Amino acid sequence: MGTSRQWIDNAVRKIDADFNRSSDTHLFRLDVPGVPGVPLYLKDESIHPTGSLKHRLARSLFLYAICNGWVGPETTIVEASSGSTAVSEAYFARLLNLPFVAVIPKTTSPEKIAKINFYGGRIHLVDDPATIYDESLRLAQEAGGHFMDQFTFAERVTDWRGNNNIADTIFEQMAREEHPIPSWIVCGAGTGGTSATIGRYTRYRGFDTRLCVVDPENSVFYDYFHSHDVGLTGAQASRVEGIGRPRVELSFIASVIDEMIKVPDAGSFAALRYLERVLGRKFGGSTGTNLYGAVQIMAEMAAAGETGSVVTLICDPGERYLDTYYNDAWLAQNGFDIQPHLARLMRFHETGQWLAA
């Protein structure tokens, strides 16, 4: 016999009530002196209750699993994650009083691990990030639980036609700007769920907005976009937590993407220092990757004499990365020289030119 409709109704109500208590995330405008006709907007997903863009995904994954009858009142939830999705899923598991196990790489930041523990989640660390899928499935089967599998379901759990998804809210918030329909939206890909939602939504609404997805080192998405080889794999995990994968995930839909940019990790980390100078706040590594790609798009637009808006995402707060991306000793130990990239960004800020690092 399946899960009782009473439990399902109550679980959905709790998740919807949590969503109803949260106002939408802010959209910041950054005017760059070097490109006065191309304002940049940053949607701050770090203000979600669990502090990241993945809060939206976790909410949708839970609703999808509950309404499919995969999750009931005693189901152990298991997820493979680099950290932020696990933090958000632990939050929703606690909301529904369900056990939660996060299968994460040992390289995950201690701050994220602490957050998972804070929400009552159990940590299962793996040495090889490529094993998180099989380990998650094994643990879920042993517990008689459910493997959420964000890397398969992220592209389908969100209603991409609207219903207050991230694309819908971006266009609502842009409505009164001088360029209300963005020329470009720039985002990274971990699961591919965000890019799939934005790409589908703009096509559905008939907007001319183009989608650029940025990819860090040690990720195969960029190569897959150009080669269409679904069998591509990488030997190492991305050093930018939250984005980039060593294999082509089922939820990554390349056909909705207009352009991809490969971003050097040192460039991503330099972009964090640039953003701290111009916005006065610290952000996570994937935000730096987004910014590094967005400024390239802005420079190309300015060089072509184009005007228009560019939108990108703030994915999570920098406080989670004080010991890594914001630590000069950590950068040096790991071979990241951010100074040439930071100089490149500052030149762009003043002149609008994207010169060699």
Protein backbone atom coordinates (compact mmCIF):
# COMPACT_ATOMS: atom_id res chain seq x y z
CA MET A 1 0.00 0.00 0.00
CA GLY A 2 1.33 3.45 -0.90
CA THR A 3 2.00 6.46 1.28
CA SER A 4 -1.17 7.94 2.77
CA ARG A 5 -2.61 10.95 1.02
CA GLN A 6 -2.84 12.67 4.39
CA TRP A 7 0.93 12.49 4.88
CA ILE A 8 1.56 13.63 1.31
CA ASP A 9 -0.84 16.57 1.68
CA ASN A 10 0.78 17.60 4.95
CA ALA A 11 4.33 17.29 3.56
CA VAL A 12 3.50 19.40 0.49
CA ARG A 13 1.79 21.98 2.71
CA LYS A 14 4.89 22.28 4.93
CA ILE A 15 7.17 22.80 1.93
CA ASP A 16 4.80 25.31 0.33
CA ALA A 17 4.46 27.17 3.63
CA ASP A 18 8.24 27.40 3.90
CA PHE A 19 8.35 28.78 0.34
CA ASN A 20 5.56 31.26 1.12
CA ARG A 21 7.56 32.62 4.07
CA SER A 22 10.48 33.47 1.80
CA SER A 23 10.40 36.58 -0.36
CA ASP A 24 12.17 36.38 -3.70
CA THR A 25 15.92 36.94 -3.90
CA HIS A 26 17.36 40.38 -4.67
CA LEU A 27 18.66 41.52 -8.04
CA PHE A 28 21.68 43.84 -7.77
CA ARG A 29 22.73 46.21 -10.53
CA LEU A 30 26.43 46.80 -11.17
CA ASP A 31 27.34 49.66 -13.52
CA VAL A 32 30.82 49.08 -14.93
CA PRO A 33 32.50 52.38 -15.98
CA GLY A 34 34.24 50.77 -18.96
CA VAL A 35 30.97 49.53 -20.52
CA PRO A 36 28.33 52.17 -19.69
CA GLY A 37 25.79 50.74 -22.15
CA VAL A 38 25.94 47.21 -20.75
CA PRO A 39 24.74 47.08 -17.12
CA LEU A 40 25.33 43.86 -15.20
CA TYR A 41 22.70 42.41 -12.85
CA LEU A 42 23.45 39.78 -10.22
CA LYS A 43 20.63 37.73 -8.73
CA ASP A 44 21.55 36.98 -5.13
CA GLU A 45 20.58 33.37 -4.45
CA SER A 46 22.72 33.35 -1.29
CA ILE A 47 19.85 34.81 0.76
CA HIS A 48 17.74 31.63 0.60
CA PRO A 49 17.19 30.00 4.02
CA THR A 50 20.00 27.51 3.34
CA GLY A 51 22.24 30.11 1.71
CA SER A 52 22.46 29.01 -1.91
CA LEU A 53 20.84 28.60 -5.31
CA LYS A 54 20.43 24.90 -4.48
CA HIS A 55 17.57 25.71 -2.09
CA ARG A 56 15.28 26.02 -5.12
CA LEU A 57 16.47 22.67 -6.47
CA ALA A 58 16.11 20.85 -3.16
CA ARG A 59 12.55 22.12 -2.71
CA SER A 60 11.62 20.95 -6.21
CA LEU A 61 13.32 17.56 -5.75
CA PHE A 62 11.39 16.91 -2.55
CA LEU A 63 8.05 17.91 -4.06
CA TYR A 64 8.73 15.75 -7.13
CA ALA A 65 9.69 12.71 -5.06
CA ILE A 66 6.78 13.10 -2.63
CA CYS A 67 4.16 13.57 -5.35
CA ASN A 68 5.59 10.58 -7.25
CA GLY A 69 5.10 8.44 -4.16
CA TRP A 70 8.82 7.77 -3.76
CA VAL A 71 9.09 9.40 -0.31
CA GLY A 72 6.97 8.66 2.72
CA PRO A 73 6.97 9.36 6.47
CA GLU A 74 9.87 7.00 7.24
CA THR A 75 11.95 7.25 4.06
CA THR A 76 15.70 7.80 4.42
CA ILE A 77 16.80 10.41 1.89
CA VAL A 78 20.24 9.96 0.29
CA GLU A 79 21.92 12.46 -2.02
CA ALA A 80 25.18 12.69 -3.96
CA SER A 81 26.46 16.24 -3.70
CA SER A 82 29.48 18.51 -3.60
CA GLY A 83 27.89 20.24 -0.62
CA SER A 84 25.29 22.95 -1.25
CA THR A 85 22.50 20.66 -2.49
CA ALA A 86 23.09 18.41 0.50
CA VAL A 87 22.82 21.40 2.85
CA SER A 88 19.47 22.36 1.33
CA GLU A 89 18.13 18.80 1.23
CA ALA A 90 19.11 18.30 4.87
CA TYR A 91 17.01 21.38 5.67
CA PHE A 92 13.92 20.00 3.94
CA ALA A 93 14.47 16.52 5.39
CA ARG A 94 14.49 18.06 8.87
CA LEU A 95 11.33 20.02 8.00
CA LEU A 96 9.60 16.69 7.25
CA ASN A 97 11.33 14.77 10.07
CA LEU A 98 13.07 12.40 7.64
CA PRO A 99 16.55 10.88 7.98
CA PHE A 100 19.10 12.31 5.54
CA VAL A 101 22.49 11.04 4.36
CA ALA A 102 24.83 13.23 2.28
CA VAL A 103 27.39 11.42 0.12
CA ILE A 104 30.04 14.03 -0.53
CA PRO A 105 33.72 14.24 -1.59
CA LYS A 106 36.31 14.59 1.15
CA THR A 107 37.38 17.88 -0.41
CA THR A 108 34.03 19.52 0.46
CA SER A 109 34.50 22.64 2.58
CA PRO A 110 34.25 22.12 6.37
CA GLU A 111 31.68 24.93 6.52
CA LYS A 112 29.30 23.01 4.25
CA ILE A 113 29.80 19.82 6.24
CA ALA A 114 29.01 21.73 9.42
CA LYS A 115 25.79 23.05 7.83
CA ILE A 116 24.68 19.56 6.81
CA ASN A 117 25.28 18.40 10.39
CA PHE A 118 23.44 21.45 11.73
CA TYR A 119 20.29 20.42 9.87
CA GLY A 120 20.56 16.87 11.21
CA GLY A 121 22.12 15.24 8.17
CA ARG A 122 24.62 12.39 8.34
CA ILE A 123 27.85 12.64 6.35
CA HIS A 124 29.27 9.85 4.20
CA LEU A 125 32.62 10.94 2.75
CA VAL A 126 34.20 9.43 -0.35
CA ASP A 127 37.80 9.69 -1.55
CA ASP A 128 36.95 9.50 -5.25
CA PRO A 129 34.19 11.95 -6.29
CA ALA A 130 33.28 9.65 -9.20
CA THR A 131 31.99 7.06 -6.71
CA ILE A 132 29.33 9.29 -5.12
CA TYR A 133 26.60 7.98 -7.44
CA ASP A 134 27.14 4.28 -6.75
CA GLU A 135 27.68 4.88 -3.04
CA SER A 136 24.46 6.89 -2.81
CA LEU A 137 22.45 4.20 -4.56
CA ARG A 138 23.98 1.50 -2.36
CA LEU A 139 23.22 3.37 0.86
CA ALA A 140 19.64 4.12 -0.24
CA GLN A 141 19.02 0.47 -1.12
CA GLU A 142 20.49 -0.77 2.17
CA ALA A 143 18.27 1.64 4.14
CA GLY A 144 15.18 0.97 2.04
CA GLY A 145 15.28 4.69 1.30
CA HIS A 146 15.30 7.00 -1.72
CA PHE A 147 18.27 8.30 -3.71
CA MET A 148 17.24 11.83 -4.77
CA ASP A 149 19.74 11.78 -7.68
CA GLN A 150 19.90 15.50 -8.47
CA PHE A 151 22.14 14.81 -11.47
CA THR A 152 19.32 12.95 -13.21
CA PHE A 153 16.23 14.83 -12.09
CA ALA A 154 17.33 18.48 -11.80
CA GLU A 155 16.24 19.37 -15.35
CA ARG A 156 12.70 18.02 -14.92
CA VAL A 157 11.62 18.79 -11.35
CA THR A 158 11.13 22.55 -11.92
CA ASP A 159 8.19 23.97 -13.86
CA TRP A 160 10.20 25.79 -16.53
CA ARG A 161 7.12 27.51 -17.97
CA GLY A 162 6.81 29.79 -14.96
CA ASN A 163 5.37 29.34 -11.48
CA ASN A 164 7.96 31.62 -9.87
CA ASN A 165 11.00 29.72 -11.09
CA ILE A 166 14.34 31.53 -11.24
CA ALA A 167 13.93 32.58 -14.90
CA ASP A 168 10.41 33.89 -14.28
CA THR A 169 11.55 36.03 -11.36
CA ILE A 170 14.54 37.43 -13.27
CA PHE A 171 12.30 38.79 -16.00
CA GLU A 172 9.78 40.15 -13.48
CA GLN A 173 12.54 41.99 -11.63
CA MET A 174 14.01 43.36 -14.85
CA ALA A 175 10.68 44.75 -16.05
CA ARG A 176 11.36 48.40 -15.13
CA GLU A 177 15.01 48.53 -16.27
CA GLU A 178 16.04 50.34 -19.47
CA HIS A 179 16.92 46.96 -21.01
CA PRO A 180 14.17 44.77 -19.50
CA ILE A 181 14.84 41.77 -21.74
CA PRO A 182 18.44 40.72 -21.00
CA SER A 183 20.71 40.24 -23.98
CA TRP A 184 22.42 37.40 -22.11
CA ILE A 185 21.95 35.35 -18.96
CA VAL A 186 25.12 33.67 -17.70
CA CYS A 187 25.18 30.72 -15.30
CA GLY A 188 27.25 27.70 -14.40
CA ALA A 189 26.24 24.05 -14.52
CA GLY A 190 26.54 21.46 -11.79
CA THR A 191 23.45 19.43 -12.55
CA GLY A 192 22.29 21.53 -15.50
CA GLY A 193 18.94 22.22 -13.86
CA THR A 194 19.28 26.01 -13.78
CA SER A 195 20.48 26.29 -17.37
CA ALA A 196 17.68 23.97 -18.55
CA THR A 197 15.06 26.09 -16.77
CA ILE A 198 16.40 29.40 -18.14
CA GLY A 199 16.93 28.09 -21.68
CA ARG A 200 13.49 26.53 -21.93
CA TYR A 201 11.73 29.52 -20.34
CA THR A 202 13.21 32.09 -22.73
CA ARG A 203 12.19 29.97 -25.72
CA TYR A 204 8.72 29.38 -24.33
CA ARG A 205 8.20 33.11 -23.75
CA GLY A 206 9.68 34.08 -27.12
CA PHE A 207 12.44 36.25 -25.63
CA ASP A 208 15.60 37.04 -27.60
CA THR A 209 17.73 36.45 -24.51
CA ARG A 210 20.67 34.14 -25.11
CA LEU A 211 22.07 31.73 -22.55
CA CYS A 212 25.79 31.36 -21.84
CA VAL A 213 26.94 28.55 -19.56
CA VAL A 214 30.38 28.82 -17.97
CA ASP A 215 32.42 25.73 -17.16
CA PRO A 216 35.44 25.40 -14.83
CA GLU A 217 38.55 23.32 -15.32
CA ASN A 218 38.24 19.54 -14.85
CA SER A 219 34.68 19.55 -16.19
CA VAL A 220 33.49 17.85 -19.37
CA PHE A 221 30.39 19.97 -20.08
CA TYR A 222 32.22 22.45 -22.35
CA ASP A 223 33.76 19.67 -24.44
CA TYR A 224 30.42 17.85 -24.62
CA PHE A 225 28.69 21.02 -25.85
CA HIS A 226 31.06 21.12 -28.81
CA SER A 227 31.56 17.39 -29.47
CA HIS A 228 28.16 15.92 -28.47
CA ASP A 229 30.07 12.94 -27.10
CA VAL A 230 27.96 11.75 -24.17
CA GLY A 231 30.68 9.32 -23.10
CA LEU A 232 33.20 11.99 -22.12
CA THR A 233 34.76 11.59 -18.67
CA GLY A 234 37.37 13.45 -16.66
CA ALA A 235 40.01 12.15 -14.29
CA GLN A 236 39.64 14.88 -11.66
CA ALA A 237 36.85 16.73 -9.88
CA SER A 238 36.18 20.43 -10.35
CA ARG A 239 37.98 22.69 -7.88
CA VAL A 240 35.04 25.12 -8.01
CA GLU A 241 32.50 23.63 -5.63
CA GLY A 242 28.97 23.36 -6.99
CA ILE A 243 29.69 23.45 -10.73
CA GLY A 244 31.51 21.30 -13.26
CA ARG A 245 31.32 17.51 -13.50
CA PRO A 246 33.76 14.74 -14.52
CA ARG A 247 31.04 13.10 -16.63
CA VAL A 248 28.07 14.23 -18.75
CA GLU A 249 25.08 14.30 -16.42
CA LEU A 250 21.61 13.31 -17.65
CA SER A 251 20.19 16.63 -16.45
CA PHE A 252 22.58 18.71 -18.59
CA ILE A 253 20.64 19.75 -21.70
CA ALA A 254 23.15 21.23 -24.15
CA SER A 255 20.56 22.06 -26.81
CA VAL A 256 19.07 24.94 -24.79
CA ILE A 257 22.46 26.68 -24.50
CA ASP A 258 23.64 29.33 -26.99
CA GLU A 259 27.28 29.60 -25.93
CA MET A 260 29.71 28.09 -23.44
CA ILE A 261 32.88 29.64 -22.00
CA LYS A 262 35.68 27.68 -20.35
CA VAL A 263 36.90 29.62 -17.30
CA PRO A 264 40.31 29.01 -15.66
CA ASP A 265 39.99 28.31 -11.95
CA ALA A 266 42.44 31.10 -11.10
CA GLY A 267 40.13 33.44 -13.04
CA SER A 268 37.13 32.31 -10.99
CA PHE A 269 38.96 32.97 -7.74
CA ALA A 270 40.27 36.33 -8.96
CA ALA A 271 36.72 37.35 -9.84
CA LEU A 272 35.76 36.89 -6.19
CA ARG A 273 38.33 39.51 -5.17
CA TYR A 274 37.07 41.82 -7.93
CA LEU A 275 33.47 41.45 -6.72
CA GLU A 276 34.55 42.13 -3.15
CA ARG A 277 36.12 45.41 -4.31
CA VAL A 278 33.09 46.60 -6.30
CA LEU A 279 30.23 45.16 -4.16
CA GLY A 280 31.84 44.93 -0.73
CA ARG A 281 30.83 41.29 -0.17
CA LYS A 282 32.35 37.82 -0.39
CA PHE A 283 30.81 35.10 -2.56
CA GLY A 284 31.45 31.44 -3.44
CA GLY A 285 33.64 30.13 -6.23
CA SER A 286 30.85 29.44 -8.73
CA THR A 287 29.81 33.09 -8.50
CA GLY A 288 33.35 33.99 -9.56
CA THR A 289 33.08 31.65 -12.55
CA ASN A 290 29.77 33.28 -13.51
CA LEU A 291 31.26 36.76 -13.25
CA TYR A 292 34.38 35.88 -15.25
CA GLY A 293 32.21 34.66 -18.10
CA ALA A 294 29.74 37.54 -17.84
CA VAL A 295 32.42 40.20 -18.24
CA GLN A 296 33.67 38.50 -21.39
CA ILE A 297 30.16 38.71 -22.82
CA MET A 298 29.93 42.36 -21.77
CA ALA A 299 33.27 43.21 -23.38
CA GLU A 300 32.24 41.50 -26.62
CA MET A 301 28.97 43.44 -26.67
CA ALA A 302 30.76 46.75 -26.08
CA ALA A 303 33.37 46.00 -28.77
CA ALA A 304 30.55 45.30 -31.25
CA GLY A 305 28.80 48.56 -30.33
CA GLU A 306 25.90 46.73 -28.73
CA THR A 307 23.94 47.89 -25.67
CA GLY A 308 21.80 45.74 -23.40
CA SER A 309 21.71 44.05 -20.04
CA VAL A 310 23.54 40.96 -18.82
CA VAL A 311 22.29 38.91 -15.87
CA THR A 312 24.22 36.38 -13.83
CA LEU A 313 23.83 34.63 -10.48
CA ILE A 314 25.30 34.92 -7.00
CA CYS A 315 25.18 31.28 -5.97
CA ASP A 316 26.26 31.17 -2.32
CA PRO A 317 28.10 33.27 0.31
CA GLY A 318 31.87 33.54 0.56
CA GLU A 319 31.94 32.78 4.28
CA ARG A 320 31.92 29.10 3.36
CA TYR A 321 35.28 29.50 1.59
CA LEU A 322 37.39 31.68 3.88
CA ASP A 323 39.93 28.87 4.32
CA THR A 324 40.19 28.19 0.58
CA TYR A 325 39.31 30.69 -2.16
CA TYR A 326 39.89 33.70 0.11
CA ASN A 327 43.04 32.27 1.68
CA ASP A 328 46.21 33.41 -0.14
CA ALA A 329 48.22 30.58 1.38
CA TRP A 330 45.71 27.99 0.11
CA LEU A 331 45.79 29.53 -3.36
CA ALA A 332 49.59 29.42 -3.45
CA GLN A 333 49.74 25.84 -2.14
CA ASN A 334 47.35 24.75 -4.88
CA GLY A 335 49.16 26.61 -7.66
CA PHE A 336 46.61 29.35 -8.33
CA ASP A 337 48.08 32.71 -9.36
CA ILE A 338 45.10 35.05 -9.37
CA GLN A 339 46.98 38.33 -9.81
CA PRO A 340 47.11 38.38 -13.66
CA HIS A 341 43.39 37.61 -13.80
CA LEU A 342 42.57 40.21 -11.16
CA ALA A 343 44.53 42.82 -13.13
CA ARG A 344 42.62 41.80 -16.25
CA LEU A 345 39.31 42.26 -14.46
CA MET A 346 40.26 45.65 -13.08
CA ARG A 347 41.38 46.82 -16.55
CA PHE A 348 38.04 45.67 -17.91
CA HIS A 349 36.25 47.58 -15.15
CA GLU A 350 37.95 50.83 -16.15
CA THR A 351 38.28 50.42 -19.93
CA GLY A 352 35.75 47.79 -21.00
CA GLN A 353 38.50 45.90 -22.82
CA TRP A 354 39.07 42.19 -22.21
CA LEU A 355 42.85 42.05 -22.60
CA ALA A 356 45.05 38.99 -22.11
CA ALA A 357 45.72 37.98 -18.52
